[in-house]
Amino acid sequence: MRDILQFLRISSLVIFCLASFQANAKSYKHPGFGNFLEAGAMRLNSFYGDSRINPYIIPRLSNGELTLEAFRLNWDILELGIIQFGPMINYNVSPFFGSDAKIIQGMERDGFVEYGGLATLDLFVGKLFVHYADSSENGNNLKTSFLSALPIFPLNGTHVWLNILLEYNLYSSTRSNYFFGVSESEAQSGRPAYVLVSPF
């Protein structure tokens, strides 16, 4: 509960700070809500102690109510003004992908497909996403994301944008142990068995 309240406090502060700016900048069209291909790299500090830089390419293609973004495909079958809702299918990459940390050697985690629903709320300060997804083998999760952007400066008739993303996940016990747990068969010296219990 404390984590949820902390997330809500941070989210409220960010939304409040962005509101005055976005109110004046809402005439600018954010390029990220159309069709695009984003490329870059992220530095990841792993739960298991290793640090690595992962390159990525994220496509976003929209055709009417269908949207493909990264590994998620969703269909907005219900649109009520600023609210869109519909089914989605998503592929989760292995949490160990690209890592050669010794602490996880001998542990296997494959990628998996999950199904669920995605709701989107268009706000004048950004977009709020809420999705619930379930995998028969790896449990379920509830994710809330807030995306906003600030037009930093003009460039060749358009604008360079700073994207801001806040995300909060609630994992079931099965999903939590898939990502972070250590089973009895995987336990070894320096890596004891570890089982998580989630209230979700």
N, C-alpha and C. Protein backbone atom coordinates (compact mmCIF):
# COMPACT_ATOMS: atom_id res chain seq x y z
N MET A 1 0.82 -1.20 0.00
CA MET A 1 0.00 0.00 0.00
C MET A 1 0.87 1.26 0.00
N ARG A 2 2.00 1.21 0.75
CA ARG A 2 2.88 2.36 0.80
C ARG A 2 3.45 2.68 -0.58
N ASP A 3 3.80 1.62 -1.35
CA ASP A 3 4.33 1.83 -2.70
C ASP A 3 3.29 2.47 -3.61
N ILE A 4 2.04 2.03 -3.48
CA ILE A 4 0.97 2.60 -4.31
C ILE A 4 0.78 4.08 -4.00
N LEU A 5 0.77 4.44 -2.71
CA LEU A 5 0.59 5.83 -2.33
C LEU A 5 1.77 6.68 -2.81
N GLN A 6 2.98 6.14 -2.74
CA GLN A 6 4.15 6.86 -3.22
C GLN A 6 4.05 7.10 -4.72
N PHE A 7 3.61 6.07 -5.46
CA PHE A 7 3.45 6.21 -6.90
C PHE A 7 2.40 7.27 -7.23
N LEU A 8 1.28 7.28 -6.50
CA LEU A 8 0.24 8.26 -6.75
C LEU A 8 0.72 9.67 -6.44
N ARG A 9 1.52 9.83 -5.39
CA ARG A 9 2.05 11.15 -5.06
C ARG A 9 2.97 11.67 -6.16
N ILE A 10 3.87 10.80 -6.64
CA ILE A 10 4.78 11.21 -7.70
C ILE A 10 4.02 11.53 -8.98
N SER A 11 3.04 10.67 -9.32
CA SER A 11 2.25 10.89 -10.52
C SER A 11 1.51 12.22 -10.46
N SER A 12 0.91 12.51 -9.31
CA SER A 12 0.16 13.76 -9.15
C SER A 12 1.08 14.97 -9.31
N LEU A 13 2.28 14.89 -8.76
CA LEU A 13 3.23 16.00 -8.86
C LEU A 13 3.65 16.22 -10.31
N VAL A 14 3.94 15.13 -11.02
CA VAL A 14 4.35 15.26 -12.41
C VAL A 14 3.22 15.84 -13.25
N ILE A 15 2.00 15.33 -13.07
CA ILE A 15 0.86 15.84 -13.83
C ILE A 15 0.63 17.33 -13.54
N PHE A 16 0.75 17.71 -12.27
CA PHE A 16 0.55 19.11 -11.91
C PHE A 16 1.59 20.00 -12.57
N CYS A 17 2.86 19.55 -12.56
CA CYS A 17 3.93 20.35 -13.15
C CYS A 17 3.79 20.48 -14.66
N LEU A 18 3.29 19.40 -15.30
CA LEU A 18 3.15 19.42 -16.75
C LEU A 18 1.91 20.17 -17.23
N ALA A 19 0.93 20.29 -16.38
CA ALA A 19 -0.36 20.83 -16.80
C ALA A 19 -0.24 22.23 -17.41
N SER A 20 0.46 23.12 -16.73
CA SER A 20 0.55 24.50 -17.22
C SER A 20 1.31 24.56 -18.54
N PHE A 21 2.37 23.72 -18.66
CA PHE A 21 3.15 23.73 -19.89
C PHE A 21 2.35 23.15 -21.05
N GLN A 22 1.74 21.99 -20.82
CA GLN A 22 1.01 21.32 -21.88
C GLN A 22 -0.22 22.11 -22.30
N ALA A 23 -0.80 22.85 -21.39
CA ALA A 23 -1.96 23.66 -21.74
C ALA A 23 -1.60 24.68 -22.80
N ASN A 24 -0.36 25.19 -22.74
CA ASN A 24 0.10 26.15 -23.74
C ASN A 24 0.65 25.48 -24.98
N ALA A 25 1.04 24.21 -24.86
CA ALA A 25 1.69 23.52 -25.97
C ALA A 25 0.78 22.51 -26.66
N LYS A 26 -0.49 22.47 -26.29
CA LYS A 26 -1.37 21.42 -26.83
C LYS A 26 -1.62 21.55 -28.33
N SER A 27 -1.28 22.71 -28.91
CA SER A 27 -1.44 22.86 -30.35
C SER A 27 -0.34 22.12 -31.12
N TYR A 28 0.75 21.74 -30.42
CA TYR A 28 1.80 20.97 -31.06
C TYR A 28 1.36 19.51 -31.16
N LYS A 29 1.66 18.88 -32.27
CA LYS A 29 1.26 17.49 -32.47
C LYS A 29 2.43 16.57 -32.09
N HIS A 30 2.22 15.77 -31.06
CA HIS A 30 3.27 14.85 -30.62
C HIS A 30 3.44 13.75 -31.66
N PRO A 31 4.67 13.56 -32.20
CA PRO A 31 4.87 12.57 -33.26
C PRO A 31 4.72 11.13 -32.78
N GLY A 32 4.83 10.90 -31.47
CA GLY A 32 4.79 9.54 -30.96
C GLY A 32 3.42 8.90 -30.96
N PHE A 33 2.36 9.65 -31.25
CA PHE A 33 1.02 9.08 -31.26
C PHE A 33 0.56 8.73 -32.67
N GLY A 34 1.46 8.83 -33.65
CA GLY A 34 1.15 8.41 -35.00
C GLY A 34 1.91 7.13 -35.31
N ASN A 35 2.27 6.94 -36.59
CA ASN A 35 3.10 5.80 -36.98
C ASN A 35 4.56 6.22 -36.91
N PHE A 36 5.39 5.41 -36.27
CA PHE A 36 6.79 5.78 -36.16
C PHE A 36 7.65 4.54 -35.87
N LEU A 37 8.93 4.71 -36.01
CA LEU A 37 9.91 3.69 -35.64
C LEU A 37 10.95 4.38 -34.76
N GLU A 38 11.00 3.97 -33.50
CA GLU A 38 11.90 4.57 -32.53
C GLU A 38 13.07 3.64 -32.27
N ALA A 39 14.28 4.19 -32.33
CA ALA A 39 15.48 3.40 -32.07
C ALA A 39 16.31 4.10 -31.00
N GLY A 40 16.97 3.29 -30.17
CA GLY A 40 17.79 3.88 -29.12
C GLY A 40 18.47 2.79 -28.32
N ALA A 41 18.89 3.14 -27.11
CA ALA A 41 19.55 2.19 -26.22
C ALA A 41 19.22 2.56 -24.79
N MET A 42 19.08 1.55 -23.95
CA MET A 42 18.79 1.76 -22.54
C MET A 42 19.84 1.07 -21.69
N ARG A 43 20.26 1.74 -20.62
CA ARG A 43 21.13 1.10 -19.65
C ARG A 43 20.26 0.47 -18.58
N LEU A 44 20.43 -0.82 -18.36
CA LEU A 44 19.62 -1.57 -17.42
C LEU A 44 20.47 -2.04 -16.25
N ASN A 45 20.06 -1.65 -15.06
CA ASN A 45 20.69 -2.15 -13.84
C ASN A 45 19.82 -3.27 -13.31
N SER A 46 20.28 -4.50 -13.47
CA SER A 46 19.46 -5.67 -13.20
C SER A 46 19.29 -5.92 -11.71
N PHE A 47 18.14 -6.52 -11.38
CA PHE A 47 17.87 -7.00 -10.03
C PHE A 47 18.94 -7.99 -9.58
N TYR A 48 19.57 -8.67 -10.56
CA TYR A 48 20.55 -9.72 -10.24
C TYR A 48 21.98 -9.19 -10.18
N GLY A 49 22.15 -7.87 -10.22
CA GLY A 49 23.46 -7.30 -9.95
C GLY A 49 24.27 -6.90 -11.16
N ASP A 50 23.86 -7.29 -12.37
CA ASP A 50 24.63 -6.91 -13.54
C ASP A 50 24.08 -5.62 -14.15
N SER A 51 24.89 -4.96 -14.94
CA SER A 51 24.50 -3.74 -15.63
C SER A 51 24.86 -3.89 -17.10
N ARG A 52 23.95 -3.52 -18.00
CA ARG A 52 24.22 -3.68 -19.41
C ARG A 52 23.46 -2.61 -20.20
N ILE A 53 23.90 -2.40 -21.42
CA ILE A 53 23.24 -1.46 -22.32
C ILE A 53 22.57 -2.26 -23.43
N ASN A 54 21.26 -2.14 -23.53
CA ASN A 54 20.49 -2.88 -24.53
C ASN A 54 19.99 -1.95 -25.62
N PRO A 55 20.36 -2.20 -26.87
CA PRO A 55 19.76 -1.43 -27.97
C PRO A 55 18.33 -1.90 -28.19
N TYR A 56 17.51 -1.04 -28.74
CA TYR A 56 16.12 -1.43 -29.01
C TYR A 56 15.58 -0.69 -30.24
N ILE A 57 14.62 -1.31 -30.86
CA ILE A 57 13.85 -0.69 -31.95
C ILE A 57 12.38 -0.95 -31.65
N ILE A 58 11.60 0.12 -31.56
CA ILE A 58 10.18 -0.01 -31.22
C ILE A 58 9.33 0.54 -32.37
N PRO A 59 8.59 -0.33 -33.05
CA PRO A 59 7.66 0.18 -34.07
C PRO A 59 6.32 0.54 -33.45
N ARG A 60 5.68 1.54 -33.98
CA ARG A 60 4.29 1.82 -33.62
C ARG A 60 3.53 2.08 -34.91
N LEU A 61 2.61 1.17 -35.22
CA LEU A 61 1.82 1.25 -36.44
C LEU A 61 0.35 1.22 -36.05
N SER A 62 -0.39 2.19 -36.55
CA SER A 62 -1.81 2.28 -36.23
C SER A 62 -2.64 2.28 -37.51
N ASN A 63 -3.69 1.47 -37.51
CA ASN A 63 -4.61 1.40 -38.65
C ASN A 63 -6.03 1.34 -38.12
N GLY A 64 -6.67 2.48 -38.00
CA GLY A 64 -8.00 2.53 -37.43
C GLY A 64 -7.96 2.18 -35.96
N GLU A 65 -8.70 1.14 -35.58
CA GLU A 65 -8.76 0.74 -34.16
C GLU A 65 -7.62 -0.20 -33.76
N LEU A 66 -6.83 -0.68 -34.73
CA LEU A 66 -5.73 -1.59 -34.44
C LEU A 66 -4.42 -0.83 -34.25
N THR A 67 -3.67 -1.19 -33.21
CA THR A 67 -2.37 -0.56 -32.96
C THR A 67 -1.35 -1.62 -32.59
N LEU A 68 -0.21 -1.60 -33.28
CA LEU A 68 0.92 -2.46 -32.95
C LEU A 68 2.01 -1.57 -32.38
N GLU A 69 2.41 -1.83 -31.14
CA GLU A 69 3.46 -1.04 -30.51
C GLU A 69 4.40 -1.99 -29.78
N ALA A 70 5.67 -2.00 -30.24
CA ALA A 70 6.67 -2.93 -29.72
C ALA A 70 6.14 -4.36 -29.88
N PHE A 71 5.90 -5.09 -28.78
CA PHE A 71 5.42 -6.48 -28.86
C PHE A 71 3.95 -6.60 -28.49
N ARG A 72 3.22 -5.48 -28.49
CA ARG A 72 1.81 -5.50 -28.09
C ARG A 72 0.92 -5.11 -29.26
N LEU A 73 -0.14 -5.89 -29.45
CA LEU A 73 -1.17 -5.59 -30.45
C LEU A 73 -2.49 -5.41 -29.72
N ASN A 74 -3.11 -4.25 -29.89
CA ASN A 74 -4.41 -4.02 -29.24
C ASN A 74 -5.44 -3.50 -30.24
N TRP A 75 -6.69 -3.77 -29.91
CA TRP A 75 -7.82 -3.42 -30.78
C TRP A 75 -8.82 -2.63 -29.95
N ASP A 76 -8.95 -1.33 -30.25
CA ASP A 76 -9.88 -0.47 -29.52
C ASP A 76 -11.29 -0.63 -30.09
N ILE A 77 -12.02 -1.60 -29.53
CA ILE A 77 -13.36 -1.89 -30.04
C ILE A 77 -14.41 -0.96 -29.44
N LEU A 78 -14.03 -0.26 -28.35
CA LEU A 78 -14.96 0.64 -27.68
C LEU A 78 -14.30 2.01 -27.53
N GLU A 79 -14.93 3.05 -28.07
CA GLU A 79 -14.42 4.41 -27.95
C GLU A 79 -15.53 5.31 -27.43
N LEU A 80 -15.27 5.90 -26.29
CA LEU A 80 -16.23 6.81 -25.66
C LEU A 80 -15.54 8.13 -25.38
N GLY A 81 -15.49 8.99 -26.39
CA GLY A 81 -14.83 10.28 -26.22
C GLY A 81 -13.34 10.10 -26.01
N ILE A 82 -12.87 10.43 -24.81
CA ILE A 82 -11.44 10.37 -24.53
C ILE A 82 -10.99 9.00 -24.03
N ILE A 83 -11.92 8.04 -23.97
CA ILE A 83 -11.60 6.70 -23.45
C ILE A 83 -11.69 5.68 -24.58
N GLN A 84 -10.65 4.84 -24.69
CA GLN A 84 -10.66 3.72 -25.62
C GLN A 84 -10.38 2.44 -24.84
N PHE A 85 -11.04 1.36 -25.27
CA PHE A 85 -10.85 0.08 -24.57
C PHE A 85 -11.01 -1.07 -25.55
N GLY A 86 -10.22 -2.13 -25.32
CA GLY A 86 -10.35 -3.31 -26.16
C GLY A 86 -9.37 -4.39 -25.76
N PRO A 87 -9.44 -5.54 -26.43
CA PRO A 87 -8.55 -6.66 -26.12
C PRO A 87 -7.13 -6.41 -26.62
N MET A 88 -6.17 -7.12 -26.03
CA MET A 88 -4.78 -6.99 -26.46
C MET A 88 -4.07 -8.33 -26.30
N ILE A 89 -3.00 -8.48 -27.06
CA ILE A 89 -2.10 -9.62 -26.94
C ILE A 89 -0.69 -9.05 -26.87
N ASN A 90 0.13 -9.60 -25.98
CA ASN A 90 1.45 -9.04 -25.75
C ASN A 90 2.47 -10.15 -25.57
N TYR A 91 3.68 -9.93 -26.09
CA TYR A 91 4.77 -10.89 -25.91
C TYR A 91 5.77 -10.31 -24.92
N ASN A 92 6.09 -11.06 -23.87
CA ASN A 92 7.09 -10.66 -22.89
C ASN A 92 8.41 -11.34 -23.18
N VAL A 93 9.45 -10.54 -23.39
CA VAL A 93 10.78 -11.08 -23.62
C VAL A 93 11.31 -11.65 -22.31
N SER A 94 12.17 -12.66 -22.40
CA SER A 94 12.77 -13.25 -21.21
C SER A 94 13.44 -12.17 -20.36
N PRO A 95 13.21 -12.17 -19.04
CA PRO A 95 13.86 -11.18 -18.19
C PRO A 95 15.38 -11.31 -18.14
N PHE A 96 15.91 -12.45 -18.61
CA PHE A 96 17.36 -12.66 -18.63
C PHE A 96 17.96 -12.37 -20.00
N PHE A 97 17.16 -11.89 -20.93
CA PHE A 97 17.63 -11.65 -22.30
C PHE A 97 18.81 -10.68 -22.31
N GLY A 98 19.90 -11.07 -22.95
CA GLY A 98 21.06 -10.19 -23.09
C GLY A 98 21.97 -10.15 -21.89
N SER A 99 21.68 -10.93 -20.85
CA SER A 99 22.50 -10.89 -19.64
C SER A 99 23.38 -12.13 -19.54
N ASP A 100 24.63 -11.94 -19.13
CA ASP A 100 25.53 -13.07 -18.89
C ASP A 100 26.01 -13.09 -17.44
N ALA A 101 25.22 -12.49 -16.54
CA ALA A 101 25.60 -12.42 -15.13
C ALA A 101 25.73 -13.83 -14.55
N LYS A 102 26.77 -14.05 -13.77
CA LYS A 102 27.01 -15.37 -13.19
C LYS A 102 25.90 -15.79 -12.23
N ILE A 103 25.28 -14.81 -11.58
CA ILE A 103 24.27 -15.12 -10.57
C ILE A 103 23.06 -15.83 -11.16
N ILE A 104 22.81 -15.68 -12.47
CA ILE A 104 21.63 -16.31 -13.07
C ILE A 104 21.98 -17.52 -13.93
N GLN A 105 23.24 -17.90 -13.96
CA GLN A 105 23.62 -19.07 -14.76
C GLN A 105 22.92 -20.32 -14.24
N GLY A 106 22.36 -21.09 -15.17
CA GLY A 106 21.61 -22.28 -14.80
C GLY A 106 20.14 -22.04 -14.59
N MET A 107 19.70 -20.77 -14.64
CA MET A 107 18.28 -20.43 -14.51
C MET A 107 17.71 -20.16 -15.90
N GLU A 108 16.58 -20.76 -16.20
CA GLU A 108 15.97 -20.61 -17.51
C GLU A 108 14.65 -19.86 -17.38
N ARG A 109 14.49 -18.80 -18.18
CA ARG A 109 13.24 -18.05 -18.24
C ARG A 109 12.97 -17.72 -19.70
N ASP A 110 12.00 -18.40 -20.30
CA ASP A 110 11.65 -18.14 -21.69
C ASP A 110 10.67 -16.97 -21.78
N GLY A 111 10.63 -16.35 -22.95
CA GLY A 111 9.60 -15.36 -23.20
C GLY A 111 8.24 -16.03 -23.27
N PHE A 112 7.17 -15.24 -23.13
CA PHE A 112 5.83 -15.83 -23.15
C PHE A 112 4.81 -14.83 -23.66
N VAL A 113 3.68 -15.37 -24.08
CA VAL A 113 2.57 -14.55 -24.60
C VAL A 113 1.51 -14.40 -23.52
N GLU A 114 0.95 -13.22 -23.41
CA GLU A 114 -0.14 -12.97 -22.47
C GLU A 114 -1.29 -12.28 -23.20
N TYR A 115 -2.50 -12.45 -22.66
CA TYR A 115 -3.70 -11.88 -23.24
C TYR A 115 -4.41 -11.04 -22.19
N GLY A 116 -5.13 -10.03 -22.64
CA GLY A 116 -5.85 -9.21 -21.67
C GLY A 116 -6.59 -8.07 -22.33
N GLY A 117 -6.75 -6.98 -21.58
CA GLY A 117 -7.45 -5.81 -22.07
C GLY A 117 -6.65 -4.56 -21.79
N LEU A 118 -6.82 -3.55 -22.65
CA LEU A 118 -6.10 -2.29 -22.51
C LEU A 118 -7.09 -1.14 -22.57
N ALA A 119 -7.02 -0.26 -21.58
CA ALA A 119 -7.84 0.96 -21.56
C ALA A 119 -6.92 2.16 -21.68
N THR A 120 -7.30 3.12 -22.51
CA THR A 120 -6.51 4.33 -22.72
C THR A 120 -7.38 5.55 -22.44
N LEU A 121 -6.84 6.47 -21.67
CA LEU A 121 -7.54 7.71 -21.34
C LEU A 121 -6.71 8.88 -21.87
N ASP A 122 -7.27 9.66 -22.80
CA ASP A 122 -6.57 10.82 -23.35
C ASP A 122 -6.77 12.01 -22.43
N LEU A 123 -5.65 12.49 -21.88
CA LEU A 123 -5.67 13.67 -21.03
C LEU A 123 -4.96 14.81 -21.74
N PHE A 124 -5.29 16.04 -21.39
CA PHE A 124 -4.63 17.14 -22.07
C PHE A 124 -3.16 17.27 -21.65
N VAL A 125 -2.77 16.53 -20.60
CA VAL A 125 -1.37 16.51 -20.18
C VAL A 125 -0.66 15.23 -20.59
N GLY A 126 -1.34 14.34 -21.31
CA GLY A 126 -0.71 13.09 -21.73
C GLY A 126 -1.73 11.98 -21.89
N LYS A 127 -1.26 10.75 -21.78
CA LYS A 127 -2.12 9.57 -21.91
C LYS A 127 -1.94 8.67 -20.70
N LEU A 128 -3.04 8.10 -20.23
CA LEU A 128 -3.02 7.15 -19.13
C LEU A 128 -3.43 5.79 -19.68
N PHE A 129 -2.58 4.78 -19.46
CA PHE A 129 -2.85 3.43 -19.93
C PHE A 129 -3.04 2.51 -18.72
N VAL A 130 -4.05 1.66 -18.79
CA VAL A 130 -4.27 0.64 -17.77
C VAL A 130 -4.47 -0.69 -18.49
N HIS A 131 -3.61 -1.66 -18.19
CA HIS A 131 -3.83 -2.96 -18.84
C HIS A 131 -3.73 -4.09 -17.84
N TYR A 132 -4.61 -5.07 -18.06
CA TYR A 132 -4.62 -6.30 -17.27
C TYR A 132 -4.32 -7.43 -18.24
N ALA A 133 -3.36 -8.27 -17.88
CA ALA A 133 -2.98 -9.37 -18.77
C ALA A 133 -2.76 -10.63 -17.96
N ASP A 134 -3.03 -11.77 -18.61
CA ASP A 134 -2.91 -13.05 -17.94
C ASP A 134 -2.19 -14.03 -18.86
N SER A 135 -1.33 -14.85 -18.25
CA SER A 135 -0.67 -15.95 -18.94
C SER A 135 -0.95 -17.21 -18.15
N SER A 136 -1.38 -18.25 -18.82
CA SER A 136 -1.77 -19.47 -18.11
C SER A 136 -0.61 -20.07 -17.32
N GLU A 137 0.62 -19.90 -17.81
CA GLU A 137 1.78 -20.48 -17.13
C GLU A 137 2.48 -19.52 -16.19
N ASN A 138 2.41 -18.23 -16.47
CA ASN A 138 3.22 -17.26 -15.71
C ASN A 138 2.40 -16.20 -14.99
N GLY A 139 1.17 -16.51 -14.64
CA GLY A 139 0.39 -15.62 -13.81
C GLY A 139 -0.10 -14.38 -14.53
N ASN A 140 -0.54 -13.39 -13.75
CA ASN A 140 -1.12 -12.18 -14.34
C ASN A 140 -0.49 -10.93 -13.73
N ASN A 141 -0.77 -9.80 -14.38
CA ASN A 141 -0.30 -8.54 -13.85
C ASN A 141 -1.25 -7.41 -14.25
N LEU A 142 -1.24 -6.38 -13.44
CA LEU A 142 -2.01 -5.16 -13.69
C LEU A 142 -1.00 -4.03 -13.80
N LYS A 143 -1.00 -3.33 -14.93
CA LYS A 143 -0.01 -2.28 -15.17
C LYS A 143 -0.71 -0.96 -15.47
N THR A 144 -0.22 0.09 -14.83
CA THR A 144 -0.71 1.45 -15.08
C THR A 144 0.47 2.29 -15.56
N SER A 145 0.28 2.99 -16.68
CA SER A 145 1.34 3.83 -17.24
C SER A 145 0.79 5.21 -17.54
N PHE A 146 1.62 6.22 -17.31
CA PHE A 146 1.28 7.58 -17.70
C PHE A 146 2.38 8.10 -18.62
N LEU A 147 1.99 8.56 -19.81
CA LEU A 147 2.93 9.06 -20.80
C LEU A 147 2.61 10.50 -21.14
N SER A 148 3.61 11.34 -21.05
CA SER A 148 3.47 12.73 -21.47
C SER A 148 4.74 13.14 -22.20
N ALA A 149 4.72 14.33 -22.78
CA ALA A 149 5.88 14.80 -23.53
C ALA A 149 5.92 16.33 -23.52
N LEU A 150 7.13 16.85 -23.56
CA LEU A 150 7.33 18.29 -23.61
C LEU A 150 8.04 18.64 -24.91
N PRO A 151 7.48 19.59 -25.70
CA PRO A 151 8.20 20.04 -26.89
C PRO A 151 9.36 20.93 -26.45
N ILE A 152 10.59 20.44 -26.62
CA ILE A 152 11.77 21.14 -26.10
C ILE A 152 12.17 22.33 -26.97
N PHE A 153 12.41 22.06 -28.27
CA PHE A 153 12.76 23.17 -29.16
C PHE A 153 12.42 22.79 -30.59
N PRO A 154 12.16 23.79 -31.45
CA PRO A 154 11.81 23.51 -32.84
C PRO A 154 13.01 23.04 -33.64
N LEU A 155 12.74 22.16 -34.62
CA LEU A 155 13.80 21.64 -35.48
C LEU A 155 13.20 21.28 -36.83
N ASN A 156 13.64 21.99 -37.88
CA ASN A 156 13.20 21.71 -39.26
C ASN A 156 11.68 21.65 -39.39
N GLY A 157 10.99 22.61 -38.81
CA GLY A 157 9.55 22.67 -38.95
C GLY A 157 8.78 21.81 -37.99
N THR A 158 9.47 21.00 -37.18
CA THR A 158 8.79 20.19 -36.17
C THR A 158 9.42 20.50 -34.81
N HIS A 159 9.28 19.58 -33.85
CA HIS A 159 9.83 19.81 -32.52
C HIS A 159 10.57 18.58 -32.01
N VAL A 160 11.60 18.82 -31.24
CA VAL A 160 12.25 17.75 -30.49
C VAL A 160 11.51 17.61 -29.16
N TRP A 161 11.15 16.36 -28.82
CA TRP A 161 10.31 16.11 -27.66
C TRP A 161 11.07 15.38 -26.56
N LEU A 162 10.74 15.69 -25.33
CA LEU A 162 11.19 14.92 -24.18
C LEU A 162 10.01 14.11 -23.68
N ASN A 163 10.12 12.78 -23.79
CA ASN A 163 9.05 11.91 -23.32
C ASN A 163 9.23 11.57 -21.84
N ILE A 164 8.12 11.54 -21.13
CA ILE A 164 8.12 11.20 -19.70
C ILE A 164 7.17 10.03 -19.49
N LEU A 165 7.67 8.94 -18.90
CA LEU A 165 6.85 7.75 -18.69
C LEU A 165 6.96 7.30 -17.24
N LEU A 166 5.81 7.18 -16.59
CA LEU A 166 5.74 6.61 -15.25
C LEU A 166 4.95 5.31 -15.35
N GLU A 167 5.43 4.27 -14.68
CA GLU A 167 4.78 2.96 -14.80
C GLU A 167 4.77 2.26 -13.45
N TYR A 168 3.65 1.60 -13.16
CA TYR A 168 3.53 0.83 -11.92
C TYR A 168 2.92 -0.52 -12.24
N ASN A 169 3.56 -1.60 -11.74
CA ASN A 169 3.10 -2.96 -12.01
C ASN A 169 2.71 -3.66 -10.72
N LEU A 170 1.60 -4.39 -10.77
CA LEU A 170 1.22 -5.32 -9.71
C LEU A 170 1.28 -6.72 -10.28
N TYR A 171 2.17 -7.56 -9.74
CA TYR A 171 2.33 -8.92 -10.24
C TYR A 171 1.67 -9.91 -9.29
N SER A 172 1.12 -10.97 -9.85
CA SER A 172 0.66 -12.09 -9.04
C SER A 172 1.88 -12.82 -8.49
N SER A 173 1.66 -13.73 -7.53
CA SER A 173 2.78 -14.50 -6.97
C SER A 173 3.49 -15.32 -8.04
N THR A 174 2.72 -15.91 -8.95
CA THR A 174 3.32 -16.72 -10.01
C THR A 174 4.20 -15.87 -10.91
N ARG A 175 3.69 -14.69 -11.30
CA ARG A 175 4.48 -13.79 -12.16
C ARG A 175 5.71 -13.27 -11.41
N SER A 176 5.56 -12.92 -10.15
CA SER A 176 6.67 -12.40 -9.35
C SER A 176 7.80 -13.42 -9.27
N ASN A 177 7.44 -14.69 -9.03
CA ASN A 177 8.47 -15.72 -8.92
C ASN A 177 9.09 -16.06 -10.27
N TYR A 178 8.34 -15.89 -11.34
CA TYR A 178 8.91 -16.09 -12.67
C TYR A 178 10.02 -15.08 -12.92
N PHE A 179 9.79 -13.82 -12.55
CA PHE A 179 10.77 -12.78 -12.78
C PHE A 179 11.90 -12.78 -11.75
N PHE A 180 11.56 -12.95 -10.47
CA PHE A 180 12.54 -12.69 -9.41
C PHE A 180 12.81 -13.87 -8.48
N GLY A 181 12.02 -14.92 -8.54
CA GLY A 181 12.19 -16.02 -7.59
C GLY A 181 13.30 -16.98 -7.96
N VAL A 182 13.70 -17.78 -7.00
CA VAL A 182 14.69 -18.84 -7.20
C VAL A 182 14.09 -20.12 -6.65
N SER A 183 13.89 -21.12 -7.51
CA SER A 183 13.28 -22.37 -7.07
C SER A 183 14.31 -23.22 -6.34
N GLU A 184 13.83 -24.28 -5.68
CA GLU A 184 14.73 -25.17 -4.95
C GLU A 184 15.74 -25.81 -5.90
N SER A 185 15.31 -26.17 -7.11
CA SER A 185 16.22 -26.81 -8.06
C SER A 185 17.25 -25.84 -8.61
N GLU A 186 16.98 -24.52 -8.52
CA GLU A 186 17.91 -23.52 -9.02
C GLU A 186 18.84 -23.00 -7.94
N ALA A 187 18.55 -23.32 -6.69
CA ALA A 187 19.34 -22.81 -5.57
C ALA A 187 20.75 -23.39 -5.58
N GLN A 188 21.71 -22.57 -5.18
CA GLN A 188 23.09 -22.98 -5.08
C GLN A 188 23.82 -22.03 -4.12
N SER A 189 25.09 -22.27 -3.90
CA SER A 189 25.87 -21.41 -3.01
C SER A 189 25.87 -19.98 -3.54
N GLY A 190 25.47 -19.03 -2.71
CA GLY A 190 25.40 -17.63 -3.14
C GLY A 190 24.08 -17.27 -3.79
N ARG A 191 23.21 -18.26 -4.03
CA ARG A 191 21.89 -18.02 -4.61
C ARG A 191 20.88 -18.93 -3.94
N PRO A 192 20.44 -18.56 -2.75
CA PRO A 192 19.50 -19.41 -2.01
C PRO A 192 18.11 -19.39 -2.65
N ALA A 193 17.32 -20.40 -2.34
CA ALA A 193 15.93 -20.43 -2.82
C ALA A 193 15.19 -19.22 -2.28
N TYR A 194 14.34 -18.65 -3.13
CA TYR A 194 13.64 -17.41 -2.77
C TYR A 194 12.25 -17.44 -3.39
N VAL A 195 11.23 -17.39 -2.55
CA VAL A 195 9.85 -17.45 -3.02
C VAL A 195 9.13 -16.17 -2.59
N LEU A 196 8.46 -15.56 -3.55
CA LEU A 196 7.71 -14.33 -3.27
C LEU A 196 6.23 -14.64 -3.16
N VAL A 197 5.54 -13.91 -2.32
CA VAL A 197 4.09 -14.02 -2.16
C VAL A 197 3.49 -12.64 -2.40
N SER A 198 2.59 -12.57 -3.37
CA SER A 198 1.98 -11.29 -3.72
C SER A 198 0.53 -11.25 -3.26
N PRO A 199 0.06 -10.08 -2.78
CA PRO A 199 -1.35 -9.95 -2.40
C PRO A 199 -2.28 -9.85 -3.59
N PHE A 200 -1.71 -9.72 -4.78
CA PHE A 200 -2.52 -9.53 -6.01
C PHE A 200 -2.79 -10.87 -6.68
